[in-house]
């Protein structure tokens, strides 16, 4: 199904964004 593919892709993108933000915050904390 195309819709399920789009949904899973969106979820993966969202998760990646969330993890990226968290790692960014960790790096900032380590710097300061």
PDB file of N, CA and C in Angstrom:
ATOM      1  N   UNK A   1       0.831  -1.209   0.000  1.00  0.00           N
ATOM      2  CA  UNK A   1       0.000   0.000   0.000  1.00  0.00           C
ATOM      3  C   UNK A   1       0.865   1.258   0.000  1.00  0.00           C
ATOM      4  N   UNK A   2       0.473   2.198  -0.779  1.00  0.00           N
ATOM      5  CA  UNK A   2       1.229   3.453  -0.863  1.00  0.00           C
ATOM      6  C   UNK A   2       1.033   4.273   0.411  1.00  0.00           C
ATOM      7  N   UNK A   3      -0.188   4.292   0.921  1.00  0.00           N
ATOM      8  CA  UNK A   3      -0.469   5.117   2.109  1.00  0.00           C
ATOM      9  C   UNK A   3       0.353   4.657   3.300  1.00  0.00           C
ATOM     10  N   UNK A   4       0.458   3.356   3.484  1.00  0.00           N
ATOM     11  CA  UNK A   4       1.239   2.849   4.618  1.00  0.00           C
ATOM     12  C   UNK A   4       2.712   3.197   4.440  1.00  0.00           C
ATOM     13  N   UNK A   5       3.178   3.164   3.205  1.00  0.00           N
ATOM     14  CA  UNK A   5       4.577   3.544   2.948  1.00  0.00           C
ATOM     15  C   UNK A   5       4.803   4.995   3.352  1.00  0.00           C
ATOM     16  N   UNK A   6       3.893   5.855   2.949  1.00  0.00           N
ATOM     17  CA  UNK A   6       4.025   7.283   3.280  1.00  0.00           C
ATOM     18  C   UNK A   6       3.981   7.475   4.791  1.00  0.00           C
ATOM     19  N   UNK A   7       3.088   6.758   5.442  1.00  0.00           N
ATOM     20  CA  UNK A   7       2.951   6.892   6.897  1.00  0.00           C
ATOM     21  C   UNK A   7       4.233   6.454   7.594  1.00  0.00           C
ATOM     22  N   UNK A   8       4.752   5.303   7.214  1.00  0.00           N
ATOM     23  CA  UNK A   8       5.979   4.811   7.852  1.00  0.00           C
ATOM     24  C   UNK A   8       7.138   5.761   7.567  1.00  0.00           C
ATOM     25  N   UNK A   9       7.214   6.282   6.357  1.00  0.00           N
ATOM     26  CA  UNK A   9       8.287   7.216   6.016  1.00  0.00           C
ATOM     27  C   UNK A   9       8.193   8.467   6.878  1.00  0.00           C
ATOM     28  N   UNK A  10       6.979   8.986   7.035  1.00  0.00           N
ATOM     29  CA  UNK A  10       6.780  10.186   7.853  1.00  0.00           C
ATOM     30  C   UNK A  10       7.180   9.917   9.296  1.00  0.00           C
ATOM     31  N   UNK A  11       6.803   8.757   9.803  1.00  0.00           N
ATOM     32  CA  UNK A  11       7.142   8.408  11.190  1.00  0.00           C
ATOM     33  C   UNK A  11       8.655   8.328  11.358  1.00  0.00           C
ATOM     34  N   UNK A  12       9.317   7.714  10.394  1.00  0.00           N
ATOM     35  CA  UNK A  12      10.781   7.598  10.466  1.00  0.00           C
ATOM     36  C   UNK A  12      11.414   8.980  10.449  1.00  0.00           C
ATOM     37  N   UNK A  13      10.921   9.844   9.577  1.00  0.00           N
ATOM     38  CA  UNK A  13      11.458  11.202   9.503  1.00  0.00           C
ATOM     39  C   UNK A  13      11.269  11.924  10.830  1.00  0.00           C
ATOM     40  N   UNK A  14      10.090  11.753  11.421  1.00  0.00           N
ATOM     41  CA  UNK A  14       9.783  12.411  12.688  1.00  0.00           C
ATOM     42  C   UNK A  14      10.707  11.894  13.785  1.00  0.00           C
ATOM     43  N   UNK A  15      10.903  10.588  13.812  1.00  0.00           N
ATOM     44  CA  UNK A  15      11.782   9.995  14.829  1.00  0.00           C
ATOM     45  C   UNK A  15      13.211  10.487  14.639  1.00  0.00           C
ATOM     46  N   UNK A  16      13.669  10.504  13.406  1.00  0.00           N
ATOM     47  CA  UNK A  16      15.029  10.981  13.142  1.00  0.00           C
ATOM     48  C   UNK A  16      15.197  12.422  13.603  1.00  0.00           C
ATOM     49  N   UNK A  17      14.196  13.239  13.333  1.00  0.00           N
ATOM     50  CA  UNK A  17      14.244  14.646  13.740  1.00  0.00           C
ATOM     51  C   UNK A  17      14.316  14.754  15.259  1.00  0.00           C
ATOM     52  N   UNK A  18      13.508  13.948  15.933  1.00  0.00           N
ATOM     53  CA  UNK A  18      13.476  13.971  17.395  1.00  0.00           C
ATOM     54  C   UNK A  18      14.833  13.558  17.969  1.00  0.00           C
ATOM     55  N   UNK A  19      15.376  12.472  17.461  1.00  0.00           N
ATOM     56  CA  UNK A  19      16.683  11.995  17.943  1.00  0.00           C
ATOM     57  C   UNK A  19      17.758  13.029  17.643  1.00  0.00           C
ATOM     58  N   UNK A  20      17.670  13.638  16.470  1.00  0.00           N
ATOM     59  CA  UNK A  20      18.658  14.648  16.087  1.00  0.00           C
ATOM     60  C   UNK A  20      18.634  15.821  17.062  1.00  0.00           C
ATOM     61  N   UNK A  21      17.437  16.286  17.412  1.00  0.00           N
ATOM     62  CA  UNK A  21      17.316  17.400  18.357  1.00  0.00           C
ATOM     63  C   UNK A  21      17.889  17.014  19.716  1.00  0.00           C
ATOM     64  N   UNK A  22      17.604  15.808  20.155  1.00  0.00           N
ATOM     65  CA  UNK A  22      18.101  15.359  21.460  1.00  0.00           C
ATOM     66  C   UNK A  22      19.625  15.316  21.457  1.00  0.00           C
ATOM     67  N   UNK A  23      20.201  14.763  20.419  1.00  0.00           N
ATOM     68  CA  UNK A  23      21.664  14.683  20.352  1.00  0.00           C
ATOM     69  C   UNK A  23      22.265  16.083  20.278  1.00  0.00           C
ATOM     70  N   UNK A  24      21.590  16.985  19.587  1.00  0.00           N
ATOM     71  CA  UNK A  24      22.076  18.364  19.515  1.00  0.00           C
ATOM     72  C   UNK A  24      22.109  18.986  20.902  1.00  0.00           C
ATOM     73  N   UNK A  25      21.065  18.759  21.674  1.00  0.00           N
ATOM     74  CA  UNK A  25      21.013  19.307  23.029  1.00  0.00           C
ATOM     75  C   UNK A  25      22.138  18.726  23.877  1.00  0.00           C
ATOM     76  N   UNK A  26      22.405  17.447  23.708  1.00  0.00           N
ATOM     77  CA  UNK A  26      23.490  16.808  24.467  1.00  0.00           C
ATOM     78  C   UNK A  26      24.820  17.458  24.118  1.00  0.00           C
ATOM     79  N   UNK A  27      25.045  17.687  22.852  1.00  0.00           N
ATOM     80  CA  UNK A  27      26.304  18.311  22.416  1.00  0.00           C
ATOM     81  C   UNK A  27      26.421  19.710  23.008  1.00  0.00           C
ATOM     82  N   UNK A  28      25.327  20.462  22.979  1.00  0.00           N
ATOM     83  CA  UNK A  28      25.346  21.815  23.552  1.00  0.00           C
ATOM     84  C   UNK A  28      25.680  21.755  25.037  1.00  0.00           C
ATOM     85  N   UNK A  29      25.076  20.826  25.747  1.00  0.00           N
ATOM     86  CA  UNK A  29      25.339  20.707  27.186  1.00  0.00           C
ATOM     87  C   UNK A  29      26.806  20.371  27.422  1.00  0.00           C
ATOM     88  N   UNK A  30      27.363  19.522  26.577  1.00  0.00           N
ATOM     89  CA  UNK A  30      28.767  19.152  26.746  1.00  0.00           C
ATOM     90  C   UNK A  30      29.683  20.343  26.475  1.00  0.00           C
ATOM     91  N   UNK A  31      29.275  21.182  25.543  1.00  0.00           N
ATOM     92  CA  UNK A  31      30.112  22.332  25.202  1.00  0.00           C
ATOM     93  C   UNK A  31      30.115  23.361  26.323  1.00  0.00           C
ATOM     94  N   UNK A  32      28.955  23.579  26.946  1.00  0.00           N
ATOM     95  CA  UNK A  32      28.856  24.635  27.952  1.00  0.00           C
ATOM     96  C   UNK A  32      28.881  24.087  29.366  1.00  0.00           C
TER      97      UNK A  32
END
